[in-house]
ModelCIF file with pLDDT and N, C-alpha, C, O atoms, coordinates in Angstrom:
data_MODEL
#
_entry.id   MODEL 
#
_entity.id                         1 
_entity.type                       polymer 
_entity.pdbx_number_of_molecules   1 
#
_entity_poly.entity_id                      1 
_entity_poly.type                           'polypeptide(L)' 
_entity_poly.nstd_linkage                   no 
_entity_poly.nstd_monomer                   no 
_entity_poly.pdbx_seq_one_letter_code       FARQGIGVIFISSELTEVINVADTTYVMRDGMI 
_entity_poly.pdbx_seq_one_letter_code_can   FARQGIGVIFISSELTEVINVADTTYVMRDGMI 
_entity_poly.pdbx_strand_id                 A 
#
loop_
_entity_poly_seq.entity_id 
_entity_poly_seq.num 
_entity_poly_seq.mon_id 
_entity_poly_seq.hetero 
1 1  PHE n 
1 2  ALA n 
1 3  ARG n 
1 4  GLN n 
1 5  GLY n 
1 6  ILE n 
1 7  GLY n 
1 8  VAL n 
1 9  ILE n 
1 10 PHE n 
1 11 ILE n 
1 12 SER n 
1 13 SER n 
1 14 GLU n 
1 15 LEU n 
1 16 THR n 
1 17 GLU n 
1 18 VAL n 
1 19 ILE n 
1 20 ASN n 
1 21 VAL n 
1 22 ALA n 
1 23 ASP n 
1 24 THR n 
1 25 THR n 
1 26 TYR n 
1 27 VAL n 
1 28 MET n 
1 29 ARG n 
1 30 ASP n 
1 31 GLY n 
1 32 MET n 
1 33 ILE n 
#
_struct_asym.id          A 
_struct_asym.entity_id   1 
#
loop_
_ma_qa_metric.id 
_ma_qa_metric.mode 
_ma_qa_metric.name 
_ma_qa_metric.software_group_id 
_ma_qa_metric.type 
1 global pLDDT . pLDDT 
2 local  pLDDT . pLDDT 
#
_ma_qa_metric_global.metric_id      1 
_ma_qa_metric_global.metric_value   91.97 
_ma_qa_metric_global.model_id       1 
_ma_qa_metric_global.ordinal_id     1 
#
loop_
_ma_qa_metric_local.label_asym_id 
_ma_qa_metric_local.label_comp_id 
_ma_qa_metric_local.label_seq_id 
_ma_qa_metric_local.metric_id 
_ma_qa_metric_local.metric_value 
_ma_qa_metric_local.model_id 
_ma_qa_metric_local.ordinal_id 
A PHE 1  2 89.00 1 1  
A ALA 2  2 93.00 1 2  
A ARG 3  2 92.00 1 3  
A GLN 4  2 89.00 1 4  
A GLY 5  2 92.00 1 5  
A ILE 6  2 92.00 1 6  
A GLY 7  2 96.00 1 7  
A VAL 8  2 96.00 1 8  
A ILE 9  2 97.00 1 9  
A PHE 10 2 96.00 1 10 
A ILE 11 2 94.00 1 11 
A SER 12 2 90.00 1 12 
A SER 13 2 83.00 1 13 
A GLU 14 2 82.00 1 14 
A LEU 15 2 85.00 1 15 
A THR 16 2 85.00 1 16 
A GLU 17 2 89.00 1 17 
A VAL 18 2 92.00 1 18 
A ILE 19 2 91.00 1 19 
A ASN 20 2 91.00 1 20 
A VAL 21 2 94.00 1 21 
A ALA 22 2 95.00 1 22 
A ASP 23 2 96.00 1 23 
A THR 24 2 96.00 1 24 
A THR 25 2 96.00 1 25 
A TYR 26 2 96.00 1 26 
A VAL 27 2 95.00 1 27 
A MET 28 2 93.00 1 28 
A ARG 29 2 90.00 1 29 
A ASP 30 2 89.00 1 30 
A GLY 31 2 92.00 1 31 
A MET 32 2 94.00 1 32 
A ILE 33 2 95.00 1 33 
#
loop_
_atom_site.group_PDB 
_atom_site.id 
_atom_site.type_symbol 
_atom_site.label_atom_id 
_atom_site.label_alt_id 
_atom_site.label_comp_id 
_atom_site.label_asym_id 
_atom_site.label_entity_id 
_atom_site.label_seq_id 
_atom_site.pdbx_PDB_ins_code 
_atom_site.Cartn_x 
_atom_site.Cartn_y 
_atom_site.Cartn_z 
_atom_site.occupancy 
_atom_site.B_iso_or_equiv 
_atom_site.pdbx_formal_charge 
_atom_site.auth_seq_id 
_atom_site.auth_comp_id 
_atom_site.auth_asym_id 
_atom_site.auth_atom_id 
_atom_site.pdbx_PDB_model_num 
ATOM 1   N N  . PHE A 1 1  ? 123.905 44.425 -112.290 1.00 89.00 ? 1  PHE A N  1 
ATOM 2   C CA . PHE A 1 1  ? 122.953 45.173 -113.113 1.00 89.00 ? 1  PHE A CA 1 
ATOM 3   C C  . PHE A 1 1  ? 123.511 45.303 -114.532 1.00 89.00 ? 1  PHE A C  1 
ATOM 4   O O  . PHE A 1 1  ? 122.810 45.083 -115.520 1.00 89.00 ? 1  PHE A O  1 
ATOM 5   N N  . ALA A 1 2  ? 124.791 45.665 -114.602 1.00 93.00 ? 2  ALA A N  1 
ATOM 6   C CA . ALA A 1 2  ? 125.423 45.836 -115.912 1.00 93.00 ? 2  ALA A CA 1 
ATOM 7   C C  . ALA A 1 2  ? 125.469 44.515 -116.683 1.00 93.00 ? 2  ALA A C  1 
ATOM 8   O O  . ALA A 1 2  ? 125.290 44.499 -117.901 1.00 93.00 ? 2  ALA A O  1 
ATOM 9   N N  . ARG A 1 3  ? 125.706 43.421 -115.982 1.00 92.00 ? 3  ARG A N  1 
ATOM 10  C CA . ARG A 1 3  ? 125.781 42.115 -116.645 1.00 92.00 ? 3  ARG A CA 1 
ATOM 11  C C  . ARG A 1 3  ? 124.418 41.686 -117.193 1.00 92.00 ? 3  ARG A C  1 
ATOM 12  O O  . ARG A 1 3  ? 124.328 40.821 -118.065 1.00 92.00 ? 3  ARG A O  1 
ATOM 13  N N  . GLN A 1 4  ? 123.364 42.305 -116.667 1.00 89.00 ? 4  GLN A N  1 
ATOM 14  C CA . GLN A 1 4  ? 122.017 42.036 -117.192 1.00 89.00 ? 4  GLN A CA 1 
ATOM 15  C C  . GLN A 1 4  ? 121.711 42.888 -118.419 1.00 89.00 ? 4  GLN A C  1 
ATOM 16  O O  . GLN A 1 4  ? 120.632 42.778 -119.002 1.00 89.00 ? 4  GLN A O  1 
ATOM 17  N N  . GLY A 1 5  ? 122.662 43.740 -118.813 1.00 92.00 ? 5  GLY A N  1 
ATOM 18  C CA . GLY A 1 5  ? 122.466 44.595 -119.980 1.00 92.00 ? 5  GLY A CA 1 
ATOM 19  C C  . GLY A 1 5  ? 121.977 45.985 -119.644 1.00 92.00 ? 5  GLY A C  1 
ATOM 20  O O  . GLY A 1 5  ? 121.733 46.793 -120.540 1.00 92.00 ? 5  GLY A O  1 
ATOM 21  N N  . ILE A 1 6  ? 121.831 46.273 -118.354 1.00 92.00 ? 6  ILE A N  1 
ATOM 22  C CA . ILE A 1 6  ? 121.410 47.605 -117.935 1.00 92.00 ? 6  ILE A CA 1 
ATOM 23  C C  . ILE A 1 6  ? 122.604 48.557 -118.017 1.00 92.00 ? 6  ILE A C  1 
ATOM 24  O O  . ILE A 1 6  ? 123.727 48.176 -117.686 1.00 92.00 ? 6  ILE A O  1 
ATOM 25  N N  . GLY A 1 7  ? 122.363 49.780 -118.454 1.00 96.00 ? 7  GLY A N  1 
ATOM 26  C CA . GLY A 1 7  ? 123.396 50.808 -118.393 1.00 96.00 ? 7  GLY A CA 1 
ATOM 27  C C  . GLY A 1 7  ? 123.356 51.453 -117.006 1.00 96.00 ? 7  GLY A C  1 
ATOM 28  O O  . GLY A 1 7  ? 122.275 51.706 -116.474 1.00 96.00 ? 7  GLY A O  1 
ATOM 29  N N  . VAL A 1 8  ? 124.512 51.716 -116.426 1.00 96.00 ? 8  VAL A N  1 
ATOM 30  C CA . VAL A 1 8  ? 124.569 52.264 -115.073 1.00 96.00 ? 8  VAL A CA 1 
ATOM 31  C C  . VAL A 1 8  ? 125.399 53.541 -115.057 1.00 96.00 ? 8  VAL A C  1 
ATOM 32  O O  . VAL A 1 8  ? 126.506 53.578 -115.594 1.00 96.00 ? 8  VAL A O  1 
ATOM 33  N N  . ILE A 1 9  ? 124.855 54.593 -114.433 1.00 97.00 ? 9  ILE A N  1 
ATOM 34  C CA . ILE A 1 9  ? 125.623 55.800 -114.144 1.00 97.00 ? 9  ILE A CA 1 
ATOM 35  C C  . ILE A 1 9  ? 125.887 55.807 -112.651 1.00 97.00 ? 9  ILE A C  1 
ATOM 36  O O  . ILE A 1 9  ? 124.959 55.743 -111.845 1.00 97.00 ? 9  ILE A O  1 
ATOM 37  N N  . PHE A 1 10 ? 127.163 55.886 -112.285 1.00 96.00 ? 10 PHE A N  1 
ATOM 38  C CA . PHE A 1 10 ? 127.587 55.728 -110.894 1.00 96.00 ? 10 PHE A CA 1 
ATOM 39  C C  . PHE A 1 10 ? 128.323 56.991 -110.443 1.00 96.00 ? 10 PHE A C  1 
ATOM 40  O O  . PHE A 1 10 ? 129.394 57.317 -110.954 1.00 96.00 ? 10 PHE A O  1 
ATOM 41  N N  . ILE A 1 11 ? 127.726 57.697 -109.475 1.00 94.00 ? 11 ILE A N  1 
ATOM 42  C CA . ILE A 1 11 ? 128.339 58.918 -108.941 1.00 94.00 ? 11 ILE A CA 1 
ATOM 43  C C  . ILE A 1 11 ? 128.726 58.672 -107.495 1.00 94.00 ? 11 ILE A C  1 
ATOM 44  O O  . ILE A 1 11 ? 127.932 58.150 -106.712 1.00 94.00 ? 11 ILE A O  1 
ATOM 45  N N  . SER A 1 12 ? 129.945 59.047 -107.141 1.00 90.00 ? 12 SER A N  1 
ATOM 46  C CA . SER A 1 12 ? 130.375 58.912 -105.749 1.00 90.00 ? 12 SER A CA 1 
ATOM 47  C C  . SER A 1 12 ? 131.416 59.978 -105.430 1.00 90.00 ? 12 SER A C  1 
ATOM 48  O O  . SER A 1 12 ? 132.251 60.326 -106.265 1.00 90.00 ? 12 SER A O  1 
ATOM 49  N N  . SER A 1 13 ? 131.345 60.491 -104.196 1.00 83.00 ? 13 SER A N  1 
ATOM 50  C CA . SER A 1 13 ? 132.365 61.441 -103.748 1.00 83.00 ? 13 SER A CA 1 
ATOM 51  C C  . SER A 1 13 ? 133.608 60.714 -103.283 1.00 83.00 ? 13 SER A C  1 
ATOM 52  O O  . SER A 1 13 ? 134.631 61.343 -103.011 1.00 83.00 ? 13 SER A O  1 
ATOM 53  N N  . GLU A 1 14 ? 133.532 59.378 -103.185 1.00 82.00 ? 14 GLU A N  1 
ATOM 54  C CA . GLU A 1 14 ? 134.719 58.577 -102.867 1.00 82.00 ? 14 GLU A CA 1 
ATOM 55  C C  . GLU A 1 14 ? 135.396 58.201 -104.172 1.00 82.00 ? 14 GLU A C  1 
ATOM 56  O O  . GLU A 1 14 ? 134.924 57.331 -104.904 1.00 82.00 ? 14 GLU A O  1 
ATOM 57  N N  . LEU A 1 15 ? 136.491 58.857 -104.452 1.00 85.00 ? 15 LEU A N  1 
ATOM 58  C CA . LEU A 1 15 ? 137.166 58.687 -105.735 1.00 85.00 ? 15 LEU A CA 1 
ATOM 59  C C  . LEU A 1 15 ? 137.585 57.244 -105.971 1.00 85.00 ? 15 LEU A C  1 
ATOM 60  O O  . LEU A 1 15 ? 137.506 56.749 -107.095 1.00 85.00 ? 15 LEU A O  1 
ATOM 61  N N  . THR A 1 16 ? 138.030 56.571 -104.920 1.00 85.00 ? 16 THR A N  1 
ATOM 62  C CA . THR A 1 16 ? 138.449 55.178 -105.054 1.00 85.00 ? 16 THR A CA 1 
ATOM 63  C C  . THR A 1 16 ? 137.316 54.311 -105.575 1.00 85.00 ? 16 THR A C  1 
ATOM 64  O O  . THR A 1 16 ? 137.540 53.404 -106.375 1.00 85.00 ? 16 THR A O  1 
ATOM 65  N N  . GLU A 1 17 ? 136.098 54.588 -105.123 1.00 89.00 ? 17 GLU A N  1 
ATOM 66  C CA . GLU A 1 17 ? 134.936 53.840 -105.597 1.00 89.00 ? 17 GLU A CA 1 
ATOM 67  C C  . GLU A 1 17 ? 134.737 54.014 -107.086 1.00 89.00 ? 17 GLU A C  1 
ATOM 68  O O  . GLU A 1 17 ? 134.569 53.039 -107.817 1.00 89.00 ? 17 GLU A O  1 
ATOM 69  N N  . VAL A 1 18 ? 134.756 55.252 -107.532 1.00 92.00 ? 18 VAL A N  1 
ATOM 70  C CA . VAL A 1 18 ? 134.451 55.537 -108.940 1.00 92.00 ? 18 VAL A CA 1 
ATOM 71  C C  . VAL A 1 18 ? 135.443 54.847 -109.861 1.00 92.00 ? 18 VAL A C  1 
ATOM 72  O O  . VAL A 1 18 ? 135.049 54.174 -110.813 1.00 92.00 ? 18 VAL A O  1 
ATOM 73  N N  . ILE A 1 19 ? 136.722 55.012 -109.581 1.00 91.00 ? 19 ILE A N  1 
ATOM 74  C CA . ILE A 1 19 ? 137.726 54.504 -110.519 1.00 91.00 ? 19 ILE A CA 1 
ATOM 75  C C  . ILE A 1 19 ? 137.849 52.981 -110.482 1.00 91.00 ? 19 ILE A C  1 
ATOM 76  O O  . ILE A 1 19 ? 138.397 52.385 -111.409 1.00 91.00 ? 19 ILE A O  1 
ATOM 77  N N  . ASN A 1 20 ? 137.349 52.350 -109.428 1.00 91.00 ? 20 ASN A N  1 
ATOM 78  C CA . ASN A 1 20 ? 137.429 50.888 -109.346 1.00 91.00 ? 20 ASN A CA 1 
ATOM 79  C C  . ASN A 1 20 ? 136.138 50.190 -109.746 1.00 91.00 ? 20 ASN A C  1 
ATOM 80  O O  . ASN A 1 20 ? 136.166 49.025 -110.142 1.00 91.00 ? 20 ASN A O  1 
ATOM 81  N N  . VAL A 1 21 ? 135.009 50.880 -109.651 1.00 94.00 ? 21 VAL A N  1 
ATOM 82  C CA . VAL A 1 21 ? 133.722 50.269 -110.019 1.00 94.00 ? 21 VAL A CA 1 
ATOM 83  C C  . VAL A 1 21 ? 133.358 50.589 -111.468 1.00 94.00 ? 21 VAL A C  1 
ATOM 84  O O  . VAL A 1 21 ? 132.851 49.726 -112.184 1.00 94.00 ? 21 VAL A O  1 
ATOM 85  N N  . ALA A 1 22 ? 133.613 51.815 -111.898 1.00 95.00 ? 22 ALA A N  1 
ATOM 86  C CA . ALA A 1 22 ? 133.196 52.248 -113.235 1.00 95.00 ? 22 ALA A CA 1 
ATOM 87  C C  . ALA A 1 22 ? 134.105 51.689 -114.323 1.00 95.00 ? 22 ALA A C  1 
ATOM 88  O O  . ALA A 1 22 ? 135.311 51.535 -114.128 1.00 95.00 ? 22 ALA A O  1 
ATOM 89  N N  . ASP A 1 23 ? 133.505 51.388 -115.471 1.00 96.00 ? 23 ASP A N  1 
ATOM 90  C CA . ASP A 1 23 ? 134.285 50.971 -116.646 1.00 96.00 ? 23 ASP A CA 1 
ATOM 91  C C  . ASP A 1 23 ? 134.865 52.197 -117.345 1.00 96.00 ? 23 ASP A C  1 
ATOM 92  O O  . ASP A 1 23 ? 135.976 52.159 -117.873 1.00 96.00 ? 23 ASP A O  1 
ATOM 93  N N  . THR A 1 24 ? 134.100 53.274 -117.340 1.00 96.00 ? 24 THR A N  1 
ATOM 94  C CA . THR A 1 24 ? 134.522 54.549 -117.927 1.00 96.00 ? 24 THR A CA 1 
ATOM 95  C C  . THR A 1 24 ? 134.172 55.656 -116.945 1.00 96.00 ? 24 THR A C  1 
ATOM 96  O O  . THR A 1 24 ? 133.072 55.672 -116.392 1.00 96.00 ? 24 THR A O  1 
ATOM 97  N N  . THR A 1 25 ? 135.100 56.582 -116.723 1.00 96.00 ? 25 THR A N  1 
ATOM 98  C CA . THR A 1 25 ? 134.856 57.671 -115.785 1.00 96.00 ? 25 THR A CA 1 
ATOM 99  C C  . THR A 1 25 ? 134.940 59.015 -116.487 1.00 96.00 ? 25 THR A C  1 
ATOM 100 O O  . THR A 1 25 ? 135.954 59.334 -117.107 1.00 96.00 ? 25 THR A O  1 
ATOM 101 N N  . TYR A 1 26 ? 133.870 59.807 -116.390 1.00 96.00 ? 26 TYR A N  1 
ATOM 102 C CA . TYR A 1 26 ? 133.871 61.188 -116.863 1.00 96.00 ? 26 TYR A CA 1 
ATOM 103 C C  . TYR A 1 26 ? 134.176 62.084 -115.668 1.00 96.00 ? 26 TYR A C  1 
ATOM 104 O O  . TYR A 1 26 ? 133.598 61.918 -114.594 1.00 96.00 ? 26 TYR A O  1 
ATOM 105 N N  . VAL A 1 27 ? 135.074 63.021 -115.860 1.00 95.00 ? 27 VAL A N  1 
ATOM 106 C CA . VAL A 1 27 ? 135.479 63.923 -114.779 1.00 95.00 ? 27 VAL A CA 1 
ATOM 107 C C  . VAL A 1 27 ? 134.900 65.304 -115.055 1.00 95.00 ? 27 VAL A C  1 
ATOM 108 O O  . VAL A 1 27 ? 134.957 65.790 -116.184 1.00 95.00 ? 27 VAL A O  1 
ATOM 109 N N  . MET A 1 28 ? 134.339 65.942 -114.018 1.00 93.00 ? 28 MET A N  1 
ATOM 110 C CA . MET A 1 28 ? 133.705 67.245 -114.187 1.00 93.00 ? 28 MET A CA 1 
ATOM 111 C C  . MET A 1 28 ? 134.321 68.303 -113.282 1.00 93.00 ? 28 MET A C  1 
ATOM 112 O O  . MET A 1 28 ? 134.855 68.012 -112.211 1.00 93.00 ? 28 MET A O  1 
ATOM 113 N N  . ARG A 1 29 ? 134.227 69.528 -113.749 1.00 90.00 ? 29 ARG A N  1 
ATOM 114 C CA . ARG A 1 29 ? 134.567 70.706 -112.951 1.00 90.00 ? 29 ARG A CA 1 
ATOM 115 C C  . ARG A 1 29 ? 133.752 71.893 -113.471 1.00 90.00 ? 29 ARG A C  1 
ATOM 116 O O  . ARG A 1 29 ? 133.644 72.099 -114.680 1.00 90.00 ? 29 ARG A O  1 
ATOM 117 N N  . ASP A 1 30 ? 133.192 72.657 -112.566 1.00 89.00 ? 30 ASP A N  1 
ATOM 118 C CA . ASP A 1 30 ? 132.451 73.879 -112.922 1.00 89.00 ? 30 ASP A CA 1 
ATOM 119 C C  . ASP A 1 30 ? 131.384 73.631 -113.975 1.00 89.00 ? 30 ASP A C  1 
ATOM 120 O O  . ASP A 1 30 ? 131.200 74.446 -114.879 1.00 89.00 ? 30 ASP A O  1 
ATOM 121 N N  . GLY A 1 31 ? 130.675 72.504 -113.862 1.00 92.00 ? 31 GLY A N  1 
ATOM 122 C CA . GLY A 1 31 ? 129.572 72.221 -114.770 1.00 92.00 ? 31 GLY A CA 1 
ATOM 123 C C  . GLY A 1 31 ? 129.989 71.731 -116.139 1.00 92.00 ? 31 GLY A C  1 
ATOM 124 O O  . GLY A 1 31 ? 129.158 71.649 -117.044 1.00 92.00 ? 31 GLY A O  1 
ATOM 125 N N  . MET A 1 32 ? 131.262 71.403 -116.310 1.00 94.00 ? 32 MET A N  1 
ATOM 126 C CA . MET A 1 32 ? 131.766 70.948 -117.610 1.00 94.00 ? 32 MET A CA 1 
ATOM 127 C C  . MET A 1 32 ? 132.500 69.622 -117.453 1.00 94.00 ? 32 MET A C  1 
ATOM 128 O O  . MET A 1 32 ? 133.046 69.337 -116.388 1.00 94.00 ? 32 MET A O  1 
ATOM 129 N N  . ILE A 1 33 ? 132.516 68.816 -118.503 1.00 95.00 ? 33 ILE A N  1 
ATOM 130 C CA . ILE A 1 33 ? 133.308 67.599 -118.516 1.00 95.00 ? 33 ILE A CA 1 
ATOM 131 C C  . ILE A 1 33 ? 134.730 67.954 -118.946 1.00 95.00 ? 33 ILE A C  1 
ATOM 132 O O  . ILE A 1 33 ? 135.587 67.075 -119.030 1.00 95.00 ? 33 ILE A O  1 
#
């Protein structure tokens, strides 16, 4: 999808997934980045 020029937001409770699939990862706690 990304290679087609689409922007992707990827959320997962599996941390390994997020850090290996995402190009950039935003980390949140208590409603804040």
